[in-house]
C-alpha atoms as a PDB file:
ATOM      1  CA  MET A   1       0.659   3.925  32.560  1.00  0.00           C
ATOM      2  CA  THR A   2       0.475   7.615  32.734  1.00  0.00           C
ATOM      3  CA  VAL A   3      -1.993   9.188  30.439  1.00  0.00           C
ATOM      4  CA  ARG A   4      -0.012  11.296  27.579  1.00  0.00           C
ATOM      5  CA  PHE A   5      -1.832  14.193  26.302  1.00  0.00           C
ATOM      6  CA  ILE A   6      -1.208  17.635  24.860  1.00  0.00           C
ATOM      7  CA  SER A   7      -3.802  20.375  25.730  1.00  0.00           C
ATOM      8  CA  ARG A   8      -6.011  21.869  23.237  1.00  0.00           C
ATOM      9  CA  ALA A   9      -4.851  24.821  24.953  1.00  0.00           C
ATOM     10  CA  ALA A  10      -1.189  24.189  23.947  1.00  0.00           C
ATOM     11  CA  ILE A  11      -2.413  23.645  20.356  1.00  0.00           C
ATOM     12  CA  ALA A  12      -3.889  27.035  20.128  1.00  0.00           C
ATOM     13  CA  LEU A  13      -1.322  28.558  21.277  1.00  0.00           C
ATOM     14  CA  VAL A  14       1.173  27.177  18.682  1.00  0.00           C
ATOM     15  CA  ALA A  15      -1.365  28.862  16.046  1.00  0.00           C
ATOM     16  CA  THR A  16      -1.450  31.971  17.879  1.00  0.00           C
ATOM     17  CA  LEU A  17       2.154  32.177  17.773  1.00  0.00           C
ATOM     18  CA  GLY A  18       2.061  32.300  13.978  1.00  0.00           C
ATOM     19  CA  LEU A  19       3.933  29.039  13.449  1.00  0.00           C
ATOM     20  CA  ALA A  20       1.391  28.220  11.040  1.00  0.00           C
ATOM     21  CA  HIS A  21       1.995  31.109   8.918  1.00  0.00           C
ATOM     22  CA  ALA A  22       5.523  30.684   9.395  1.00  0.00           C
ATOM     23  CA  LEU A  23       5.678  26.681   8.845  1.00  0.00           C
ATOM     24  CA  ALA A  24       2.783  25.972   6.744  1.00  0.00           C
ATOM     25  CA  GLY A  25       4.259  26.637   3.494  1.00  0.00           C
ATOM     26  CA  PRO A  26       2.689  29.635   0.774  1.00  0.00           C
ATOM     27  CA  SER A  27       0.388  32.193   2.930  1.00  0.00           C
ATOM     28  CA  GLY A  28      -1.905  34.470   1.959  1.00  0.00           C
ATOM     29  CA  SER A  29      -5.733  33.892   0.389  1.00  0.00           C
ATOM     30  CA  ASP A  30      -4.291  30.558  -0.699  1.00  0.00           C
ATOM     31  CA  ALA A  31      -3.888  29.236   3.090  1.00  0.00           C
ATOM     32  CA  LYS A  32      -6.074  26.549   3.942  1.00  0.00           C
ATOM     33  CA  PRO A  33      -6.626  26.644   7.634  1.00  0.00           C
ATOM     34  CA  ALA A  34      -7.691  22.943   9.017  1.00  0.00           C
ATOM     35  CA  THR A  35      -9.307  22.166  12.249  1.00  0.00           C
ATOM     36  CA  ASP A  36      -7.791  19.901  14.529  1.00  0.00           C
ATOM     37  CA  ALA A  37     -10.920  17.617  14.527  1.00  0.00           C
ATOM     38  CA  LYS A  38      -9.916  16.373  11.086  1.00  0.00           C
ATOM     39  CA  PRO A  39      -6.407  14.656  10.473  1.00  0.00           C
ATOM     40  CA  ALA A  40      -4.886  15.025   7.073  1.00  0.00           C
ATOM     41  CA  THR A  41      -6.260  12.074   5.174  1.00  0.00           C
ATOM     42  CA  ASP A  42      -3.045  12.094   3.159  1.00  0.00           C
ATOM     43  CA  ALA A  43      -1.666  10.650   6.529  1.00  0.00           C
ATOM     44  CA  LYS A  44      -2.391   6.866   6.393  1.00  0.00           C
ATOM     45  CA  PRO A  45      -0.902   5.036   9.408  1.00  0.00           C
ATOM     46  CA  ALA A  46      -1.045   1.678   8.795  1.00  0.00           C
ATOM     47  CA  VAL A  47      -2.520  -0.538  11.106  1.00  0.00           C
ATOM     48  CA  THR A  48      -2.422  -4.120  12.351  1.00  0.00           C
ATOM     49  CA  ALA A  49      -5.398  -6.393  13.367  1.00  0.00           C
ATOM     50  CA  ASP A  50      -3.976  -5.934  17.049  1.00  0.00           C
ATOM     51  CA  ALA A  51      -4.229  -2.563  18.228  1.00  0.00           C
ATOM     52  CA  LYS A  52      -1.376  -3.218  20.772  1.00  0.00           C
ATOM     53  CA  ALA A  53       1.416  -3.526  17.811  1.00  0.00           C
ATOM     54  CA  PRO A  54       0.968  -0.704  15.147  1.00  0.00           C
ATOM     55  CA  VAL A  55       3.178  -0.653  12.440  1.00  0.00           C
ATOM     56  CA  ALA A  56       4.873   2.497  12.116  1.00  0.00           C
ATOM     57  CA  SER A  57       3.843   5.273   9.459  1.00  0.00           C
ATOM     58  CA  HIS A  58       6.408   7.127   8.122  1.00  0.00           C
ATOM     59  CA  PHE A  59       6.475  10.624   6.804  1.00  0.00           C
ATOM     60  CA  SER A  60       6.215  11.103   2.895  1.00  0.00           C
ATOM     61  CA  HIS A  61       6.716  14.324   0.978  1.00  0.00           C
ATOM     62  CA  THR A  62       4.835  12.862  -1.819  1.00  0.00           C
ATOM     63  CA  GLU A  63       1.579  12.193   0.185  1.00  0.00           C
ATOM     64  CA  HIS A  64       1.945  15.698   1.295  1.00  0.00           C
ATOM     65  CA  GLN A  65       1.888  17.508  -1.880  1.00  0.00           C
ATOM     66  CA  GLY A  66      -1.005  19.875  -1.881  1.00  0.00           C
ATOM     67  CA  ARG A  67      -1.263  20.689   1.569  1.00  0.00           C
ATOM     68  CA  LEU A  68       2.025  22.512   2.189  1.00  0.00           C
ATOM     69  CA  ASP A  69       4.787  23.604  -0.419  1.00  0.00           C
ATOM     70  CA  THR A  70       7.412  20.424   0.008  1.00  0.00           C
ATOM     71  CA  THR A  71       9.477  22.052  -2.329  1.00  0.00           C
ATOM     72  CA  ALA A  72      10.001  24.551   0.639  1.00  0.00           C
ATOM     73  CA  CYS A  73      12.460  22.570   2.808  1.00  0.00           C
ATOM     74  CA  GLU A  74      12.804  25.352   5.345  1.00  0.00           C
ATOM     75  CA  THR A  75       9.322  24.629   6.386  1.00  0.00           C
ATOM     76  CA  CYS A  76      10.335  21.847   8.244  1.00  0.00           C
ATOM     77  CA  HIS A  77      14.160  21.608   8.248  1.00  0.00           C
ATOM     78  CA  SER A  78      16.193  24.277   9.766  1.00  0.00           C
ATOM     79  CA  VAL A  79      19.741  25.538   9.772  1.00  0.00           C
ATOM     80  CA  ASP A  80      21.484  26.305  12.893  1.00  0.00           C
ATOM     81  CA  PRO A  81      23.660  29.608  12.950  1.00  0.00           C
ATOM     82  CA  LYS A  82      26.680  27.565  12.218  1.00  0.00           C
ATOM     83  CA  GLY A  83      25.311  26.392   9.320  1.00  0.00           C
ATOM     84  CA  ALA A  84      24.762  22.705  10.211  1.00  0.00           C
ATOM     85  CA  VAL A  85      21.199  21.106   9.147  1.00  0.00           C
ATOM     86  CA  ALA A  86      18.883  20.175  12.119  1.00  0.00           C
ATOM     87  CA  PRO A  87      16.234  17.367  11.678  1.00  0.00           C
ATOM     88  CA  PRO A  88      12.527  18.465  11.570  1.00  0.00           C
ATOM     89  CA  ALA A  89      12.607  17.443  15.366  1.00  0.00           C
ATOM     90  CA  ALA A  90      14.605  20.630  16.093  1.00  0.00           C
ATOM     91  CA  LEU A  91      11.372  22.671  15.472  1.00  0.00           C
ATOM     92  CA  GLY A  92       9.542  20.229  17.913  1.00  0.00           C
ATOM     93  CA  HIS A  93       5.899  19.211  16.741  1.00  0.00           C
ATOM     94  CA  ALA A  94       5.265  22.853  15.279  1.00  0.00           C
ATOM     95  CA  PRO A  95       5.350  21.430  11.898  1.00  0.00           C
ATOM     96  CA  CYS A  96       2.942  19.005  12.436  1.00  0.00           C
ATOM     97  CA  LEU A  97       0.747  21.062  14.377  1.00  0.00           C
ATOM     98  CA  ALA A  98       0.842  24.322  12.256  1.00  0.00           C
ATOM     99  CA  ALA A  99      -1.986  23.557  10.250  1.00  0.00           C
ATOM    100  CA  GLY A 100      -3.712  21.610  12.740  1.00  0.00           C
ATOM    101  CA  CYS A 101      -3.638  18.426  10.456  1.00  0.00           C
ATOM    102  CA  HIS A 102      -2.346  15.996  12.932  1.00  0.00           C
ATOM    103  CA  ALA A 103      -3.678  17.310  16.393  1.00  0.00           C
ATOM    104  CA  THR A 104      -5.748  14.537  17.121  1.00  0.00           C
ATOM    105  CA  TYR A 105      -2.926  12.150  16.893  1.00  0.00           C
ATOM    106  CA  PHE A 106      -1.173  14.040  19.741  1.00  0.00           C
ATOM    107  CA  ILE A 107      -3.905  13.712  22.028  1.00  0.00           C
ATOM    108  CA  SER A 108      -5.093  10.264  21.350  1.00  0.00           C
ATOM    109  CA  THR A 109      -1.960   7.986  22.655  1.00  0.00           C
ATOM    110  CA  GLY A 110      -3.116   8.215  26.198  1.00  0.00           C
ATOM    111  CA  ASP A 111      -4.550   5.175  28.206  1.00  0.00           C
ATOM    112  CA  LYS A 112      -8.218   6.143  28.227  1.00  0.00           C
ATOM    113  CA  THR A 113      -8.086   6.495  24.096  1.00  0.00           C
ATOM    114  CA  LYS A 114      -6.190   3.006  24.092  1.00  0.00           C
ATOM    115  CA  ALA A 115      -9.232   1.553  26.283  1.00  0.00           C
ATOM    116  CA  LYS A 116     -12.262   3.302  24.786  1.00  0.00           C
ATOM    117  CA  ALA A 117     -10.939   3.603  21.005  1.00  0.00           C
ATOM    118  CA  PRO A 118      -7.951   1.168  20.487  1.00  0.00           C
ATOM    119  CA  ALA A 119      -8.325   1.722  16.643  1.00  0.00           C
ATOM    120  CA  THR A 120      -7.812   5.645  16.812  1.00  0.00           C
ATOM    121  CA  TYR A 121      -4.875   4.763  19.372  1.00  0.00           C
ATOM    122  CA  ALA A 122      -3.310   2.559  17.044  1.00  0.00           C
ATOM    123  CA  LYS A 123      -3.547   5.135  14.576  1.00  0.00           C
ATOM    124  CA  ALA A 124      -2.110   7.913  16.857  1.00  0.00           C
ATOM    125  CA  THR A 125       0.471   5.514  17.654  1.00  0.00           C
ATOM    126  CA  ALA A 126       1.683   4.553  14.427  1.00  0.00           C
ATOM    127  CA  PHE A 127       1.623   8.270  13.358  1.00  0.00           C
ATOM    128  CA  CYS A 128       4.184   8.806  16.507  1.00  0.00           C
ATOM    129  CA  LEU A 129       6.525   5.711  15.747  1.00  0.00           C
ATOM    130  CA  GLY A 130       7.258   6.999  12.353  1.00  0.00           C
ATOM    131  CA  CYS A 131       9.795   9.371  13.892  1.00  0.00           C
ATOM    132  CA  HIS A 132      10.477   8.298  17.412  1.00  0.00           C
ATOM    133  CA  ASP A 133      11.494   4.965  18.003  1.00  0.00           C
ATOM    134  CA  SER A 134       9.965   3.272  21.053  1.00  0.00           C
ATOM    135  CA  LYS A 135      10.146  -0.082  22.907  1.00  0.00           C
ATOM    136  CA  ALA A 136       7.455  -2.666  22.411  1.00  0.00           C
ATOM    137  CA  GLY A 137       5.413  -0.542  20.121  1.00  0.00           C
ATOM    138  CA  GLU A 138       4.050   1.969  22.448  1.00  0.00           C
ATOM    139  CA  PRO A 139       4.361   5.968  21.680  1.00  0.00           C
ATOM    140  CA  PRO A 140       7.077   7.511  23.399  1.00  0.00           C
ATOM    141  CA  VAL A 141       6.541   9.668  26.522  1.00  0.00           C
ATOM    142  CA  PRO A 142       6.394  13.167  25.318  1.00  0.00           C
ATOM    143  CA  TRP A 143       8.227  15.043  28.436  1.00  0.00           C
ATOM    144  CA  GLN A 144      11.147  12.603  28.194  1.00  0.00           C
ATOM    145  CA  GLN A 145      14.483  13.596  26.247  1.00  0.00           C
ATOM    146  CA  PRO A 146      14.707  11.168  23.618  1.00  0.00           C
ATOM    147  CA  THR A 147      17.814   8.804  23.570  1.00  0.00           C
ATOM    148  CA  ALA A 148      20.170   8.962  20.766  1.00  0.00           C
ATOM    149  CA  GLY A 149      18.966   7.756  17.165  1.00  0.00           C
ATOM    150  CA  ALA A 150      15.313   7.604  18.888  1.00  0.00           C
ATOM    151  CA  VAL A 151      14.203  10.557  16.879  1.00  0.00           C
ATOM    152  CA  MET A 152      13.479  11.173  13.110  1.00  0.00           C
ATOM    153  CA  ARG A 153      14.456   7.441  12.165  1.00  0.00           C
ATOM    154  CA  SER A 154      12.080   8.052   9.316  1.00  0.00           C
ATOM    155  CA  PHE A 155      14.799   9.990   7.793  1.00  0.00           C
ATOM    156  CA  GLN A 156      17.577   8.158   8.347  1.00  0.00           C
ATOM    157  CA  ALA A 157      17.173   6.615   4.773  1.00  0.00           C
ATOM    158  CA  GLU A 158      16.147   7.997   1.722  1.00  0.00           C
ATOM    159  CA  ARG A 159      12.859   6.873   0.827  1.00  0.00           C
ATOM    160  CA  GLU A 160      12.014   9.199  -1.772  1.00  0.00           C
ATOM    161  CA  TYR A 161      15.281  11.209  -2.623  1.00  0.00           C
ATOM    162  CA  HIS A 162      18.725  10.434  -3.650  1.00  0.00           C
ATOM    163  CA  VAL A 163      21.969  12.394  -2.733  1.00  0.00           C
ATOM    164  CA  GLU A 164      24.068  13.354  -5.602  1.00  0.00           C
ATOM    165  CA  MET A 165      27.199  15.839  -5.672  1.00  0.00           C
ATOM    166  CA  ASN A 166      30.373  16.161  -7.868  1.00  0.00           C
ATOM    167  CA  HIS A 167      32.534  13.396  -6.038  1.00  0.00           C
ATOM    168  CA  ASP A 168      35.636  13.936  -8.176  1.00  0.00           C
ATOM    169  CA  GLU A 169      35.688  18.001  -7.216  1.00  0.00           C
ATOM    170  CA  HIS A 170      35.332  17.091  -3.677  1.00  0.00           C
ATOM    171  CA  THR A 171      38.580  14.669  -3.984  1.00  0.00           C
ATOM    172  CA  LYS A 172      40.777  17.582  -5.240  1.00  0.00           C
ATOM    173  CA  ARG A 173      39.641  19.679  -2.169  1.00  0.00           C
ATOM    174  CA  ILE A 174      40.007  17.426   0.816  1.00  0.00           C
ATOM    175  CA  ASP A 175      41.249  14.260   2.045  1.00  0.00           C
ATOM    176  CA  CYS A 176      38.914  11.176   1.711  1.00  0.00           C
ATOM    177  CA  ARG A 177      39.027  10.557   5.577  1.00  0.00           C
ATOM    178  CA  THR A 178      37.804  13.600   6.115  1.00  0.00           C
ATOM    179  CA  CYS A 179      34.156  12.793   4.774  1.00  0.00           C
ATOM    180  CA  HIS A 180      34.569   8.832   4.978  1.00  0.00           C
ATOM    181  CA  VAL A 181      34.854   8.616   8.866  1.00  0.00           C
ATOM    182  CA  VAL A 182      36.456   5.410  10.797  1.00  0.00           C
ATOM    183  CA  ASP A 183      35.732   4.435  13.916  1.00  0.00           C
ATOM    184  CA  ASP A 184      38.829   4.092  15.825  1.00  0.00           C
ATOM    185  CA  LYS A 185      37.852   0.940  17.752  1.00  0.00           C
ATOM    186  CA  SER A 186      35.922  -1.062  15.291  1.00  0.00           C
ATOM    187  CA  LEU A 187      37.981   0.240  12.024  1.00  0.00           C
ATOM    188  CA  ALA A 188      34.435   0.498  10.240  1.00  0.00           C
ATOM    189  CA  LEU A 189      32.962   3.347   8.621  1.00  0.00           C
ATOM    190  CA  VAL A 190      31.031   5.803  11.035  1.00  0.00           C
ATOM    191  CA  ALA A 191      27.445   5.270  10.544  1.00  0.00           C
ATOM    192  CA  ASP A 192      25.750   7.970   8.515  1.00  0.00           C
ATOM    193  CA  THR A 193      29.136   9.531   7.364  1.00  0.00           C
ATOM    194  CA  PRO A 194      29.466  10.971   4.854  1.00  0.00           C
ATOM    195  CA  GLY A 195      26.446  13.188   5.908  1.00  0.00           C
ATOM    196  CA  HIS A 196      25.566  16.788   7.084  1.00  0.00           C
ATOM    197  CA  GLY A 197      28.182  16.850   9.516  1.00  0.00           C
ATOM    198  CA  GLN A 198      30.949  16.338   7.148  1.00  0.00           C
ATOM    199  CA  CYS A 199      29.572  18.736   4.665  1.00  0.00           C
ATOM    200  CA  VAL A 200      28.989  21.661   6.781  1.00  0.00           C
ATOM    201  CA  THR A 201      32.639  21.955   7.862  1.00  0.00           C
ATOM    202  CA  CYS A 202      33.085  23.449   4.430  1.00  0.00           C
ATOM    203  CA  HIS A 203      29.109  24.539   3.284  1.00  0.00           C
ATOM    204  CA  ASN A 204      28.569  26.914   5.907  1.00  0.00           C
ATOM    205  CA  PRO A 205      27.799  30.902   5.737  1.00  0.00           C
ATOM    206  CA  GLN A 206      31.630  31.416   6.648  1.00  0.00           C
ATOM    207  CA  LYS A 207      33.233  29.397   3.968  1.00  0.00           C
ATOM    208  CA  PHE A 208      30.772  28.977   0.987  1.00  0.00           C
ATOM    209  CA  PRO A 209      27.673  31.537   1.778  1.00  0.00           C
ATOM    210  CA  ASP A 210      26.334  30.650  -2.051  1.00  0.00           C
ATOM    211  CA  PHE A 211      26.393  27.404  -1.226  1.00  0.00           C
ATOM    212  CA  THR A 212      25.297  26.711   2.461  1.00  0.00           C
ATOM    213  CA  MET A 213      23.462  23.672   3.887  1.00  0.00           C
ATOM    214  CA  ALA A 214      19.779  25.566   3.387  1.00  0.00           C
ATOM    215  CA  LYS A 215      20.341  24.647  -0.373  1.00  0.00           C
ATOM    216  CA  CYS A 216      19.012  21.105   0.086  1.00  0.00           C
ATOM    217  CA  GLY A 217      17.950  20.763  -3.549  1.00  0.00           C
ATOM    218  CA  TYR A 218      21.800  20.810  -4.121  1.00  0.00           C
ATOM    219  CA  CYS A 219      22.252  17.555  -3.300  1.00  0.00           C
ATOM    220  CA  HIS A 220      18.582  15.799  -2.433  1.00  0.00           C
ATOM    221  CA  ASP A 221      16.710  15.095  -5.388  1.00  0.00           C
ATOM    222  CA  LYS A 222      13.889  12.543  -6.613  1.00  0.00           C
ATOM    223  CA  PRO A 223      13.709   9.644  -7.125  1.00  0.00           C
ATOM    224  CA  ALA A 224      14.750   7.489  -4.409  1.00  0.00           C
ATOM    225  CA  ARG A 225      18.131   6.062  -4.045  1.00  0.00           C
ATOM    226  CA  ALA A 226      17.248   2.413  -4.974  1.00  0.00           C
ATOM    227  CA  THR A 227      15.781   3.756  -8.122  1.00  0.00           C
ATOM    228  CA  TYR A 228      18.460   6.409  -9.368  1.00  0.00           C
ATOM    229  CA  PHE A 229      21.423   4.050  -8.285  1.00  0.00           C
ATOM    230  CA  PRO A 230      22.000   0.408 -10.240  1.00  0.00           C
ATOM    231  CA  PRO A 231      21.866  -2.646  -7.788  1.00  0.00           C
ATOM    232  CA  SER A 232      25.299  -3.621  -8.685  1.00  0.00           C
ATOM    233  CA  ARG A 233      28.454  -2.224 -10.535  1.00  0.00           C
ATOM    234  CA  THR A 234      29.904  -3.863 -13.486  1.00  0.00           C
ATOM    235  CA  TYR A 235      31.597  -6.987 -13.368  1.00  0.00           C
ATOM    236  CA  ASN A 236      34.321  -7.081 -10.881  1.00  0.00           C
ATOM    237  CA  ASP A 237      35.562 -10.542  -8.807  1.00  0.00           C
ATOM    238  CA  VAL A 238      37.022  -8.218  -6.021  1.00  0.00           C
ATOM    239  CA  ARG A 239      34.167  -7.362  -3.335  1.00  0.00           C
ATOM    240  CA  SER A 240      34.207  -5.535  -0.212  1.00  0.00           C
ATOM    241  CA  CYS A 241      33.007  -7.806   2.467  1.00  0.00           C
ATOM    242  CA  ASP A 242      30.492  -4.806   3.793  1.00  0.00           C
ATOM    243  CA  GLY A 243      29.286  -3.939   0.489  1.00  0.00           C
ATOM    244  CA  GLU A 244      25.723  -3.987  -1.361  1.00  0.00           C
ATOM    245  CA  GLY A 245      27.514  -5.861  -3.895  1.00  0.00           C
ATOM    246  CA  TYR A 246      28.762  -8.443  -1.948  1.00  0.00           C
ATOM    247  CA  VAL A 247      25.404  -9.157  -0.232  1.00  0.00           C
ATOM    248  CA  ALA A 248      23.929  -9.385  -3.620  1.00  0.00           C
ATOM    249  CA  LEU A 249      26.677 -11.630  -4.660  1.00  0.00           C
ATOM    250  CA  ILE A 250      26.425 -14.059  -1.728  1.00  0.00           C
ATOM    251  CA  ALA A 251      22.804 -14.383  -2.644  1.00  0.00           C
ATOM    252  CA  LYS A 252      23.434 -15.090  -6.248  1.00  0.00           C
ATOM    253  CA  ASN A 253      25.644 -17.771  -4.989  1.00  0.00           C
ATOM    254  CA  GLY A 254      22.972 -19.776  -2.976  1.00  0.00           C
ATOM    255  CA  GLY A 255      24.233 -18.368   0.149  1.00  0.00           C
ATOM    256  CA  LYS A 256      27.647 -19.636   0.035  1.00  0.00           C
ATOM    257  CA  PHE A 257      30.800 -17.853   0.968  1.00  0.00           C
ATOM    258  CA  VAL A 258      32.629 -16.198  -1.771  1.00  0.00           C
ATOM    259  CA  PRO A 259      36.145 -14.226  -0.862  1.00  0.00           C
ATOM    260  CA  CYS A 260      35.780 -10.495  -0.060  1.00  0.00           C
ATOM    261  CA  PHE A 261      37.947  -7.776   1.301  1.00  0.00           C
ATOM    262  CA  LYS A 262      37.807  -6.524   4.314  1.00  0.00           C
ATOM    263  CA  HIS A 263      38.651  -3.065   5.013  1.00  0.00           C
ATOM    264  CA  GLU A 264      38.106  -2.900   8.725  1.00  0.00           C
ATOM    265  CA  ARG A 265      41.741  -4.047   9.372  1.00  0.00           C
ATOM    266  CA  LYS A 266      44.125  -1.914  11.210  1.00  0.00           C
ATOM    267  CA  GLU A 267      46.708  -2.591   8.280  1.00  0.00           C
ATOM    268  CA  HIS A 268      44.114  -1.543   5.798  1.00  0.00           C
ATOM    269  CA  ARG A 269      43.263   1.776   7.572  1.00  0.00           C
ATOM    270  CA  THR A 270      46.370   2.888   8.585  1.00  0.00           C
ATOM    271  CA  HIS A 271      49.917   2.960   7.551  1.00  0.00           C
ATOM    272  CA  GLU A 272      53.020   2.276   9.845  1.00  0.00           C
ATOM    273  CA  THR A 273      53.361   5.760  10.615  1.00  0.00           C
ATOM    274  CA  GLY A 274      50.322   6.176  11.863  1.00  0.00           C
ATOM    275  CA  LYS A 275      48.721   8.277   9.035  1.00  0.00           C
ATOM    276  CA  PRO A 276      45.175   7.317   7.490  1.00  0.00           C
ATOM    277  CA  VAL A 277      45.068   5.208   4.375  1.00  0.00           C
ATOM    278  CA  GLU A 278      43.282   7.541   1.917  1.00  0.00           C
ATOM    279  CA  CYS A 279      40.656   5.838  -0.271  1.00  0.00           C
ATOM    280  CA  GLY A 280      42.466   6.945  -3.240  1.00  0.00           C
ATOM    281  CA  GLU A 281      45.891   5.215  -2.443  1.00  0.00           C
ATOM    282  CA  CYS A 282      44.064   2.017  -3.263  1.00  0.00           C
ATOM    283  CA  HIS A 283      41.251   3.058  -5.573  1.00  0.00           C
ATOM    284  CA  ALA A 284      43.560   4.972  -7.838  1.00  0.00           C
ATOM    285  CA  MET A 285      40.744   5.153 -10.524  1.00  0.00           C
ATOM    286  CA  VAL A 286      38.606   7.590  -7.865  1.00  0.00           C
ATOM    287  CA  ALA A 287      41.439   9.680  -7.273  1.00  0.00           C
ATOM    288  CA  LYS A 288      42.187  10.109 -10.927  1.00  0.00           C
ATOM    289  CA  GLY A 289      38.680  10.969 -11.895  1.00  0.00           C
ATOM    290  CA  GLU A 290      38.884   8.564 -15.077  1.00  0.00           C
ATOM    291  CA  TRP A 291      39.811   5.310 -15.600  1.00  0.00           C
ATOM    292  CA  ASN A 292      39.857   3.144 -18.819  1.00  0.00           C
ATOM    293  CA  GLY A 293      37.094   5.164 -20.410  1.00  0.00           C
ATOM    294  CA  HIS A 294      35.147   4.973 -17.448  1.00  0.00           C
ATOM    295  CA  LYS A 295      34.300   8.739 -15.434  1.00  0.00           C
ATOM    296  CA  TYR A 296      34.433   8.994 -11.913  1.00  0.00           C
ATOM    297  CA  GLN A 297      33.032  12.473 -11.034  1.00  0.00           C
ATOM    298  CA  SER A 298      29.482  11.784  -9.803  1.00  0.00           C
ATOM    299  CA  ILE A 299      28.452   9.442  -7.025  1.00  0.00           C
ATOM    300  CA  LYS A 300      26.273   7.354  -9.551  1.00  0.00           C
ATOM    301  CA  ASP A 301      29.619   7.280 -11.725  1.00  0.00           C
ATOM    302  CA  LEU A 302      30.866   5.310  -8.776  1.00  0.00           C
ATOM    303  CA  HIS A 303      28.031   3.224  -8.641  1.00  0.00           C
ATOM    304  CA  VAL A 304      28.195   2.119 -12.159  1.00  0.00           C
ATOM    305  CA  SER A 305      32.130   1.868 -12.885  1.00  0.00           C
ATOM    306  CA  PRO A 306      34.285  -0.628 -10.904  1.00  0.00           C
ATOM    307  CA  ILE A 307      36.267   0.950  -8.271  1.00  0.00           C
ATOM    308  CA  ILE A 308      38.567  -1.910  -8.021  1.00  0.00           C
ATOM    309  CA  ASP A 309      41.302  -2.325 -11.237  1.00  0.00           C
ATOM    310  CA  ASN A 310      44.732  -3.933 -11.621  1.00  0.00           C
ATOM    311  CA  SER A 311      45.548  -2.034 -15.002  1.00  0.00           C
ATOM    312  CA  ALA A 312      49.311  -0.877 -14.708  1.00  0.00           C
ATOM    313  CA  ASP A 313      49.329  -3.176 -11.859  1.00  0.00           C
ATOM    314  CA  LEU A 314      48.624  -0.466  -9.467  1.00  0.00           C
ATOM    315  CA  GLN A 315      46.444  -2.538  -7.456  1.00  0.00           C
ATOM    316  CA  HIS A 316      48.505  -5.277  -6.695  1.00  0.00           C
ATOM    317  CA  LYS A 317      51.193  -2.557  -5.897  1.00  0.00           C
ATOM    318  CA  ALA A 318      48.810  -0.808  -3.280  1.00  0.00           C
ATOM    319  CA  CYS A 319      48.356  -4.410  -1.585  1.00  0.00           C
ATOM    320  CA  GLY A 320      51.965  -5.255  -1.504  1.00  0.00           C
ATOM    321  CA  ARG A 321      53.220  -2.119  -0.357  1.00  0.00           C
ATOM    322  CA  ALA A 322      55.395  -2.111   2.838  1.00  0.00           C
ATOM    323  CA  GLY A 323      55.732  -5.783   1.915  1.00  0.00           C
ATOM    324  CA  CYS A 324      52.125  -6.805   3.467  1.00  0.00           C
ATOM    325  CA  HIS A 325      51.117  -8.646   0.614  1.00  0.00           C
ATOM    326  CA  GLN A 326      53.931  -8.983  -1.777  1.00  0.00           C
ATOM    327  CA  ALA A 327      53.911 -12.845  -1.998  1.00  0.00           C
ATOM    328  CA  ASP A 328      50.566 -13.252  -2.116  1.00  0.00           C
ATOM    329  CA  VAL A 329      50.443 -10.954  -5.370  1.00  0.00           C
ATOM    330  CA  ASP A 330      53.593 -12.238  -6.917  1.00  0.00           C
ATOM    331  CA  ASP A 331      53.272 -15.031  -9.379  1.00  0.00           C
ATOM    332  CA  SER A 332      56.926 -15.246 -10.178  1.00  0.00           C
ATOM    333  CA  LYS A 333      57.346 -18.095  -7.385  1.00  0.00           C
ATOM    334  CA  GLY A 334      54.147 -19.976  -8.122  1.00  0.00           C
ATOM    335  CA  LYS A 335      52.990 -19.240  -4.361  1.00  0.00           C
ATOM    336  CA  SER A 336      50.536 -16.113  -4.758  1.00  0.00           C
ATOM    337  CA  ARG A 337      47.084 -16.559  -2.823  1.00  0.00           C
ATOM    338  CA  CYS A 338      44.861 -14.911  -5.124  1.00  0.00           C
ATOM    339  CA  THR A 339      41.527 -16.119  -3.516  1.00  0.00           C
ATOM    340  CA  LEU A 340      42.135 -13.819  -0.565  1.00  0.00           C
ATOM    341  CA  CYS A 341      40.446 -11.462  -2.561  1.00  0.00           C
ATOM    342  CA  HIS A 342      39.365 -12.763  -5.999  1.00  0.00           C
ATOM    343  CA  GLY A 343      36.200 -14.707  -5.567  1.00  0.00           C
ATOM    344  CA  ASP A 344      36.372 -17.431  -8.500  1.00  0.00           C
ATOM    345  CA  LYS A 345      32.850 -18.341  -7.960  1.00  0.00           C
ATOM    346  CA  SER A 346      31.813 -14.916  -8.910  1.00  0.00           C
ATOM    347  CA  ARG A 347      33.167 -15.130 -12.303  1.00  0.00           C
ATOM    348  CA  SER A 348      30.573 -17.811 -13.187  1.00  0.00           C
ATOM    349  CA  ILE A 349      27.914 -15.665 -11.598  1.00  0.00           C
ATOM    350  CA  PHE A 350      28.299 -12.594 -13.487  1.00  0.00           C
ATOM    351  CA  GLN A 351      29.600 -13.609 -16.534  1.00  0.00           C
END
C-alpha cells in the first residue's frame, strides 16, 4: 500500500497564503494560532479496539464552538458565482488545516504510522472517514478524485440542525414537482431533493439578491431534525409506503404488514397526457394552506397535521379521477376495496 501524506511544507504554505486568516473565523488580537503538533481536543474520533476498523468521527459544530465562529457559515461553506452552495470539500482541506488543528491527522494515515502507532493511525483514519466514504475502513487516497457521494457524507444528514421554511408561500410561487423531483425510471423521489439544487433556481443573486443561498441561517437552525419535528403526524389510517410514519406503524404492529399507498407508480406520478401529477392535486390541504383548523404553512405544520383527509370527499375524488379507482372508492354497489389504502390495523394501534 502506498504511503499517504501531506508535507509540513504544504501545511505551512496554507498558512502563508492567509487561509488561516480568511477561514478560521474572527481575526485580530482574538485569533489563537495553534501548532500542528496538537490536534484540537474537541475532535474525538471514536476508536475501536481493532485499529483496522475505526469508527468514523463526524464533524460537530457544537464541539467546535470556542475554537471558531460556527455562526459564520462562510468559514467553511462557500457559494459559487451562480449562487449554488458548495460543500466544505469545495475548499479542500483548507478549513481543517487553517488553524493547524488537525494537521497531525493528515500526515498519520500512511503505512508507517499504521505499523508503528496503530492508535494514532486509527484516530487519523476515523477523522478522514467522517467526511470521506471508503472501503474496508481504510482512509481515502488523497490524490484520487472521490467518487460521487463519497465526500462529505457526514453532512448528508441534519445531525445538529433542522430545515424550516414557509412551505405555503412556495406552493403559491412554484409547482410542487419543481422541488419534489421524481426519477423518470424508478418513479421515486430523487435522493436529497428538495435540496440546495432546487432552492438556488430562485434564491440566487439575480432573482433574490436579498435572500441568496449565502443566508444559511434563514433555513437551517437548531435543534436537530429529530428533536424539532414530531415522530409522527396525528392519527390517519392511510400511510405512504415510503414514509417515516409507515415505518413506525409497522414497528407498532409487530412487524406485520399494514396496507399503504405507493407513490411510485406511473399512474400516481403522471397524467394520461404525460403532465406530472402535482402534490396538491391529492393533498388538497397542502395546496389550500389550511384545512379543518390545521395550518399547513411551515414544514413543521406538515409534520404535525394530517396530509390525507377525505373531507368533502376530495380525497376519494382524486383517487377516482379518470376512472382509476372509481369502483374501489364507490360504496354504492358494495364492492369498494377500502383496504387498498386504509390500514384497519392502524386504527387499533393509534386509537
